[in-house]
Amino acid sequence: MNTVEFLRGTPLFASCSDKSLTSLASLARKREFAAGDQIIREDTGSTMGFYLLLEGSAVVTRGDTLLAEYAPGDYFGEIALLLDDTARTATVSAKTDVSVLVITRWDFRALVKTNPEIAVELMAVLAQRLADTDRVISE
């Protein structure tokens, strides 16, 4: 799989230059998780930051509440990109075997400095996810 093309197909990174995408792809690390593995755990800290789902599917839960299901191209961990030493707000578990790209907060922040439009896109994503989570919890 061509990581640069995959990143370009992700709305968050669609406006990035080829140079920025190539740089980001070189910094991203691929990780594998088996079905049932927790990728991130609610109320724990992490310096890893951001995950982009390459293959497989994952579920997002808070406590016993299912918040969302993710498919290839979806991403999570974006709050950790913006807030240092904050606890994870949900658990993301592999529903099937999954492959993810992992981008650290430091690498992401460096990318945003040269591509500020990513920050605007990220704010829109965060606002939508907050609204979706509020709706699920209030049901």
N, C-alpha and C. Protein backbone atom coordinates (compact mmCIF):
# COMPACT_ATOMS: atom_id res chain seq x y z
N MET A 1 0.84 -1.18 0.00
CA MET A 1 0.00 0.00 0.00
C MET A 1 0.89 1.24 0.00
N ASN A 2 0.51 2.24 -0.76
CA ASN A 2 1.23 3.49 -0.81
C ASN A 2 0.70 4.40 0.30
N THR A 3 1.52 4.63 1.31
CA THR A 3 1.09 5.41 2.47
C THR A 3 0.75 6.84 2.10
N VAL A 4 1.51 7.45 1.21
CA VAL A 4 1.24 8.83 0.80
C VAL A 4 -0.14 8.93 0.15
N GLU A 5 -0.47 8.00 -0.73
CA GLU A 5 -1.78 8.02 -1.38
C GLU A 5 -2.90 7.78 -0.38
N PHE A 6 -2.67 6.89 0.60
CA PHE A 6 -3.67 6.64 1.62
C PHE A 6 -3.92 7.91 2.43
N LEU A 7 -2.84 8.59 2.84
CA LEU A 7 -2.98 9.84 3.59
C LEU A 7 -3.70 10.89 2.76
N ARG A 8 -3.38 11.00 1.49
CA ARG A 8 -4.02 11.98 0.62
C ARG A 8 -5.53 11.72 0.53
N GLY A 9 -5.94 10.47 0.61
CA GLY A 9 -7.35 10.12 0.54
C GLY A 9 -8.11 10.35 1.84
N THR A 10 -7.39 10.73 2.89
CA THR A 10 -8.01 11.02 4.17
C THR A 10 -8.34 12.51 4.21
N PRO A 11 -9.60 12.90 4.44
CA PRO A 11 -9.97 14.32 4.38
C PRO A 11 -9.08 15.24 5.23
N LEU A 12 -8.63 14.77 6.37
CA LEU A 12 -7.81 15.60 7.24
C LEU A 12 -6.52 16.04 6.54
N PHE A 13 -5.98 15.20 5.68
CA PHE A 13 -4.70 15.49 5.03
C PHE A 13 -4.82 15.82 3.55
N ALA A 14 -6.03 15.89 3.03
CA ALA A 14 -6.23 16.08 1.59
C ALA A 14 -5.61 17.37 1.06
N SER A 15 -5.52 18.40 1.89
CA SER A 15 -4.99 19.68 1.42
C SER A 15 -3.48 19.80 1.57
N CYS A 16 -2.84 18.78 2.09
CA CYS A 16 -1.38 18.82 2.29
C CYS A 16 -0.64 18.68 0.96
N SER A 17 0.51 19.30 0.91
CA SER A 17 1.37 19.18 -0.27
C SER A 17 1.97 17.78 -0.33
N ASP A 18 2.43 17.40 -1.50
CA ASP A 18 3.10 16.10 -1.65
C ASP A 18 4.31 16.01 -0.72
N LYS A 19 5.03 17.10 -0.59
CA LYS A 19 6.21 17.12 0.29
C LYS A 19 5.81 16.84 1.74
N SER A 20 4.74 17.49 2.21
CA SER A 20 4.28 17.28 3.59
C SER A 20 3.79 15.86 3.80
N LEU A 21 3.05 15.33 2.82
CA LEU A 21 2.55 13.96 2.94
C LEU A 21 3.70 12.95 2.95
N THR A 22 4.70 13.19 2.12
CA THR A 22 5.86 12.30 2.10
C THR A 22 6.58 12.34 3.44
N SER A 23 6.72 13.54 3.99
CA SER A 23 7.36 13.70 5.30
C SER A 23 6.55 12.98 6.38
N LEU A 24 5.25 13.19 6.37
CA LEU A 24 4.38 12.55 7.35
C LEU A 24 4.44 11.03 7.22
N ALA A 25 4.39 10.54 6.00
CA ALA A 25 4.44 9.09 5.77
C ALA A 25 5.73 8.49 6.30
N SER A 26 6.81 9.23 6.20
CA SER A 26 8.09 8.71 6.69
C SER A 26 8.14 8.67 8.22
N LEU A 27 7.34 9.50 8.87
CA LEU A 27 7.31 9.55 10.33
C LEU A 27 6.31 8.57 10.93
N ALA A 28 5.28 8.23 10.17
CA ALA A 28 4.22 7.33 10.67
C ALA A 28 4.77 5.91 10.80
N ARG A 29 4.31 5.23 11.83
CA ARG A 29 4.71 3.84 12.06
C ARG A 29 3.50 2.94 11.95
N LYS A 30 3.67 1.82 11.27
CA LYS A 30 2.57 0.87 11.12
C LYS A 30 2.57 -0.07 12.32
N ARG A 31 1.38 -0.31 12.87
CA ARG A 31 1.21 -1.26 13.96
C ARG A 31 0.04 -2.17 13.64
N GLU A 32 0.11 -3.37 14.18
CA GLU A 32 -0.93 -4.38 13.98
C GLU A 32 -1.57 -4.71 15.33
N PHE A 33 -2.87 -4.94 15.32
CA PHE A 33 -3.60 -5.37 16.51
C PHE A 33 -4.52 -6.52 16.13
N ALA A 34 -4.62 -7.50 17.02
CA ALA A 34 -5.51 -8.64 16.80
C ALA A 34 -6.93 -8.27 17.24
N ALA A 35 -7.91 -8.95 16.68
CA ALA A 35 -9.30 -8.75 17.08
C ALA A 35 -9.41 -8.87 18.60
N GLY A 36 -10.08 -7.90 19.22
CA GLY A 36 -10.26 -7.89 20.67
C GLY A 36 -9.22 -7.07 21.41
N ASP A 37 -8.10 -6.77 20.79
CA ASP A 37 -7.07 -5.96 21.46
C ASP A 37 -7.56 -4.53 21.66
N GLN A 38 -7.17 -3.95 22.79
CA GLN A 38 -7.43 -2.53 23.00
C GLN A 38 -6.30 -1.74 22.37
N ILE A 39 -6.66 -0.82 21.51
CA ILE A 39 -5.67 0.02 20.84
C ILE A 39 -5.35 1.22 21.73
N ILE A 40 -6.39 1.86 22.23
CA ILE A 40 -6.24 2.87 23.27
C ILE A 40 -7.28 2.60 24.34
N ARG A 41 -6.97 2.99 25.57
CA ARG A 41 -7.84 2.69 26.69
C ARG A 41 -8.29 3.98 27.38
N GLU A 42 -9.58 4.06 27.61
CA GLU A 42 -10.17 5.20 28.30
C GLU A 42 -9.45 5.45 29.62
N ASP A 43 -9.28 6.72 29.95
CA ASP A 43 -8.70 7.19 31.22
C ASP A 43 -7.21 6.89 31.38
N THR A 44 -6.53 6.50 30.31
CA THR A 44 -5.08 6.35 30.39
C THR A 44 -4.43 7.44 29.55
N GLY A 45 -3.22 7.77 29.86
CA GLY A 45 -2.49 8.77 29.09
C GLY A 45 -1.73 8.10 27.96
N SER A 46 -1.31 8.89 27.01
CA SER A 46 -0.53 8.35 25.90
C SER A 46 0.26 9.46 25.25
N THR A 47 1.47 9.13 24.86
CA THR A 47 2.26 10.07 24.08
C THR A 47 2.21 9.72 22.60
N MET A 48 1.57 8.62 22.27
CA MET A 48 1.56 8.18 20.87
C MET A 48 0.76 9.11 19.98
N GLY A 49 -0.36 9.57 20.46
CA GLY A 49 -1.12 10.51 19.66
C GLY A 49 -2.19 9.90 18.79
N PHE A 50 -1.97 9.92 17.50
CA PHE A 50 -3.00 9.79 16.48
C PHE A 50 -2.89 8.46 15.74
N TYR A 51 -4.04 7.84 15.49
CA TYR A 51 -4.09 6.55 14.79
C TYR A 51 -4.96 6.69 13.56
N LEU A 52 -4.49 6.18 12.45
CA LEU A 52 -5.24 6.15 11.21
C LEU A 52 -5.44 4.70 10.83
N LEU A 53 -6.71 4.28 10.74
CA LEU A 53 -7.03 2.88 10.47
C LEU A 53 -6.79 2.55 9.00
N LEU A 54 -5.86 1.62 8.77
CA LEU A 54 -5.52 1.19 7.41
C LEU A 54 -6.38 0.03 6.95
N GLU A 55 -6.50 -0.99 7.80
CA GLU A 55 -7.23 -2.21 7.46
C GLU A 55 -7.99 -2.69 8.68
N GLY A 56 -9.14 -3.32 8.45
CA GLY A 56 -9.93 -3.89 9.54
C GLY A 56 -10.95 -2.90 10.07
N SER A 57 -11.55 -3.25 11.22
CA SER A 57 -12.55 -2.38 11.83
C SER A 57 -12.32 -2.33 13.33
N ALA A 58 -12.78 -1.23 13.93
CA ALA A 58 -12.59 -1.01 15.36
C ALA A 58 -13.87 -0.42 15.95
N VAL A 59 -14.04 -0.59 17.25
CA VAL A 59 -15.19 -0.02 17.95
C VAL A 59 -14.70 0.94 19.01
N VAL A 60 -15.51 1.98 19.24
CA VAL A 60 -15.21 3.00 20.23
C VAL A 60 -16.25 2.90 21.33
N THR A 61 -15.79 2.78 22.57
CA THR A 61 -16.71 2.68 23.70
C THR A 61 -16.28 3.64 24.80
N ARG A 62 -17.26 4.08 25.56
CA ARG A 62 -17.01 4.81 26.81
C ARG A 62 -17.80 4.06 27.86
N GLY A 63 -17.08 3.44 28.78
CA GLY A 63 -17.73 2.54 29.72
C GLY A 63 -18.34 1.40 28.93
N ASP A 64 -19.64 1.18 29.12
CA ASP A 64 -20.33 0.12 28.38
C ASP A 64 -21.09 0.63 27.16
N THR A 65 -20.94 1.92 26.85
CA THR A 65 -21.69 2.52 25.75
C THR A 65 -20.88 2.50 24.46
N LEU A 66 -21.47 1.93 23.41
CA LEU A 66 -20.86 1.94 22.08
C LEU A 66 -21.07 3.32 21.48
N LEU A 67 -19.96 3.99 21.15
CA LEU A 67 -20.05 5.34 20.59
C LEU A 67 -19.94 5.36 19.07
N ALA A 68 -19.11 4.47 18.52
CA ALA A 68 -18.89 4.49 17.07
C ALA A 68 -18.20 3.22 16.63
N GLU A 69 -18.25 2.98 15.33
CA GLU A 69 -17.47 1.92 14.69
C GLU A 69 -16.64 2.57 13.60
N TYR A 70 -15.39 2.15 13.50
CA TYR A 70 -14.47 2.74 12.53
C TYR A 70 -14.08 1.72 11.47
N ALA A 71 -13.87 2.24 10.26
CA ALA A 71 -13.46 1.44 9.10
C ALA A 71 -12.18 2.06 8.53
N PRO A 72 -11.55 1.40 7.58
CA PRO A 72 -10.34 1.97 6.98
C PRO A 72 -10.56 3.41 6.51
N GLY A 73 -9.58 4.25 6.83
CA GLY A 73 -9.66 5.67 6.52
C GLY A 73 -10.10 6.51 7.69
N ASP A 74 -10.76 5.90 8.67
CA ASP A 74 -11.15 6.62 9.88
C ASP A 74 -9.93 6.78 10.78
N TYR A 75 -10.01 7.75 11.67
CA TYR A 75 -8.89 8.00 12.57
C TYR A 75 -9.40 8.35 13.95
N PHE A 76 -8.50 8.20 14.93
CA PHE A 76 -8.85 8.47 16.32
C PHE A 76 -7.59 8.85 17.09
N GLY A 77 -7.80 9.37 18.30
CA GLY A 77 -6.68 9.82 19.11
C GLY A 77 -6.34 11.28 18.87
N GLU A 78 -7.21 11.98 18.16
CA GLU A 78 -6.90 13.35 17.79
C GLU A 78 -6.83 14.30 18.98
N ILE A 79 -7.54 14.01 20.07
CA ILE A 79 -7.46 14.88 21.24
C ILE A 79 -6.05 14.87 21.82
N ALA A 80 -5.40 13.72 21.80
CA ALA A 80 -4.03 13.62 22.31
C ALA A 80 -3.05 14.45 21.48
N LEU A 81 -3.43 14.80 20.27
CA LEU A 81 -2.57 15.64 19.45
C LEU A 81 -2.53 17.07 19.97
N LEU A 82 -3.62 17.48 20.59
CA LEU A 82 -3.76 18.87 21.00
C LEU A 82 -3.48 19.11 22.47
N LEU A 83 -3.76 18.13 23.31
CA LEU A 83 -3.63 18.31 24.76
C LEU A 83 -2.55 17.41 25.31
N ASP A 84 -1.57 18.00 25.95
CA ASP A 84 -0.50 17.21 26.58
C ASP A 84 -1.02 16.52 27.83
N ASP A 85 -0.59 15.30 28.02
CA ASP A 85 -0.85 14.55 29.25
C ASP A 85 -2.31 14.51 29.65
N THR A 86 -3.18 14.37 28.68
CA THR A 86 -4.60 14.24 28.98
C THR A 86 -5.00 12.77 28.90
N ALA A 87 -5.96 12.39 29.71
CA ALA A 87 -6.44 11.01 29.68
C ALA A 87 -7.28 10.78 28.43
N ARG A 88 -7.20 9.57 27.91
CA ARG A 88 -8.02 9.20 26.76
C ARG A 88 -9.49 9.26 27.15
N THR A 89 -10.33 9.74 26.24
CA THR A 89 -11.75 9.93 26.54
C THR A 89 -12.60 8.71 26.22
N ALA A 90 -12.03 7.73 25.55
CA ALA A 90 -12.78 6.52 25.17
C ALA A 90 -11.79 5.38 24.95
N THR A 91 -12.34 4.19 24.85
CA THR A 91 -11.54 3.01 24.51
C THR A 91 -11.81 2.67 23.05
N VAL A 92 -10.75 2.38 22.32
CA VAL A 92 -10.88 1.90 20.94
C VAL A 92 -10.30 0.50 20.91
N SER A 93 -11.13 -0.45 20.49
CA SER A 93 -10.73 -1.86 20.43
C SER A 93 -10.85 -2.37 19.01
N ALA A 94 -9.96 -3.28 18.66
CA ALA A 94 -10.01 -3.91 17.34
C ALA A 94 -11.20 -4.86 17.28
N LYS A 95 -12.12 -4.63 16.36
CA LYS A 95 -13.25 -5.53 16.15
C LYS A 95 -12.79 -6.73 15.32
N THR A 96 -11.91 -6.48 14.38
CA THR A 96 -11.25 -7.51 13.57
C THR A 96 -9.75 -7.26 13.70
N ASP A 97 -8.94 -8.09 13.09
CA ASP A 97 -7.52 -7.77 13.02
C ASP A 97 -7.39 -6.43 12.29
N VAL A 98 -6.55 -5.54 12.82
CA VAL A 98 -6.41 -4.22 12.21
C VAL A 98 -4.95 -3.85 12.01
N SER A 99 -4.74 -2.96 11.06
CA SER A 99 -3.46 -2.28 10.85
C SER A 99 -3.73 -0.80 10.97
N VAL A 100 -2.85 -0.10 11.66
CA VAL A 100 -2.99 1.34 11.83
C VAL A 100 -1.66 2.03 11.53
N LEU A 101 -1.75 3.28 11.14
CA LEU A 101 -0.58 4.15 11.12
C LEU A 101 -0.64 4.97 12.40
N VAL A 102 0.48 5.10 13.08
CA VAL A 102 0.54 5.87 14.32
C VAL A 102 1.43 7.08 14.08
N ILE A 103 0.94 8.24 14.47
CA ILE A 103 1.68 9.49 14.32
C ILE A 103 1.76 10.15 15.70
N THR A 104 2.97 10.46 16.14
CA THR A 104 3.13 11.08 17.46
C THR A 104 2.63 12.52 17.45
N ARG A 105 2.32 13.02 18.62
CA ARG A 105 1.85 14.40 18.72
C ARG A 105 2.92 15.37 18.25
N TRP A 106 4.18 15.08 18.50
CA TRP A 106 5.25 16.00 18.11
C TRP A 106 5.38 16.08 16.60
N ASP A 107 5.30 14.95 15.93
CA ASP A 107 5.36 14.95 14.47
C ASP A 107 4.15 15.66 13.87
N PHE A 108 2.98 15.42 14.45
CA PHE A 108 1.76 16.05 13.95
C PHE A 108 1.84 17.57 14.13
N ARG A 109 2.30 18.01 15.29
CA ARG A 109 2.39 19.45 15.53
C ARG A 109 3.35 20.12 14.56
N ALA A 110 4.45 19.47 14.24
CA ALA A 110 5.39 20.02 13.26
C ALA A 110 4.72 20.14 11.90
N LEU A 111 3.90 19.16 11.53
CA LEU A 111 3.19 19.20 10.25
C LEU A 111 2.19 20.35 10.22
N VAL A 112 1.49 20.58 11.32
CA VAL A 112 0.49 21.65 11.38
C VAL A 112 1.14 23.02 11.22
N LYS A 113 2.36 23.17 11.70
CA LYS A 113 3.05 24.46 11.56
C LYS A 113 3.25 24.82 10.09
N THR A 114 3.46 23.84 9.25
CA THR A 114 3.65 24.12 7.83
C THR A 114 2.37 23.96 7.02
N ASN A 115 1.34 23.37 7.62
CA ASN A 115 0.04 23.16 6.97
C ASN A 115 -1.08 23.52 7.94
N PRO A 116 -1.26 24.82 8.24
CA PRO A 116 -2.25 25.20 9.26
C PRO A 116 -3.68 24.81 8.90
N GLU A 117 -3.95 24.55 7.63
CA GLU A 117 -5.31 24.14 7.25
C GLU A 117 -5.70 22.82 7.90
N ILE A 118 -4.71 22.01 8.28
CA ILE A 118 -5.01 20.75 8.97
C ILE A 118 -5.65 21.05 10.32
N ALA A 119 -5.20 22.10 11.00
CA ALA A 119 -5.77 22.45 12.31
C ALA A 119 -7.24 22.82 12.17
N VAL A 120 -7.58 23.53 11.12
CA VAL A 120 -8.98 23.91 10.89
C VAL A 120 -9.83 22.66 10.65
N GLU A 121 -9.33 21.75 9.84
CA GLU A 121 -10.05 20.50 9.58
C GLU A 121 -10.21 19.68 10.86
N LEU A 122 -9.15 19.64 11.67
CA LEU A 122 -9.20 18.90 12.92
C LEU A 122 -10.24 19.49 13.87
N MET A 123 -10.34 20.80 13.94
CA MET A 123 -11.36 21.43 14.79
C MET A 123 -12.76 21.03 14.36
N ALA A 124 -13.00 20.97 13.06
CA ALA A 124 -14.31 20.56 12.56
C ALA A 124 -14.60 19.11 12.94
N VAL A 125 -13.60 18.26 12.83
CA VAL A 125 -13.76 16.85 13.21
C VAL A 125 -14.08 16.74 14.70
N LEU A 126 -13.33 17.46 15.53
CA LEU A 126 -13.56 17.40 16.97
C LEU A 126 -14.96 17.89 17.34
N ALA A 127 -15.40 18.97 16.72
CA ALA A 127 -16.74 19.49 17.00
C ALA A 127 -17.81 18.47 16.62
N GLN A 128 -17.67 17.84 15.46
CA GLN A 128 -18.65 16.84 15.02
C GLN A 128 -18.66 15.64 15.95
N ARG A 129 -17.47 15.17 16.35
CA ARG A 129 -17.40 14.01 17.23
C ARG A 129 -17.98 14.33 18.60
N LEU A 130 -17.77 15.53 19.09
CA LEU A 130 -18.36 15.93 20.37
C LEU A 130 -19.88 15.93 20.27
N ALA A 131 -20.41 16.47 19.20
CA ALA A 131 -21.86 16.48 19.00
C ALA A 131 -22.41 15.06 18.89
N ASP A 132 -21.72 14.20 18.16
CA ASP A 132 -22.16 12.81 18.02
C ASP A 132 -22.13 12.07 19.35
N THR A 133 -21.09 12.29 20.13
CA THR A 133 -20.97 11.63 21.43
C THR A 133 -22.05 12.11 22.38
N ASP A 134 -22.31 13.41 22.40
CA ASP A 134 -23.38 13.94 23.25
C ASP A 134 -24.72 13.32 22.88
N ARG A 135 -24.97 13.16 21.59
CA ARG A 135 -26.24 12.57 21.14
C ARG A 135 -26.36 11.13 21.61
N VAL A 136 -25.29 10.34 21.46
CA VAL A 136 -25.31 8.93 21.87
C VAL A 136 -25.53 8.81 23.37
N ILE A 137 -24.83 9.62 24.13
CA ILE A 137 -24.92 9.54 25.59
C ILE A 137 -26.30 9.96 26.08
N SER A 138 -26.92 10.92 25.42
CA SER A 138 -28.23 11.40 25.87
C SER A 138 -29.37 10.47 25.48
N GLU A 139 -29.12 9.51 24.59
CA GLU A 139 -30.18 8.58 24.17
C GLU A 139 -30.48 7.54 25.21
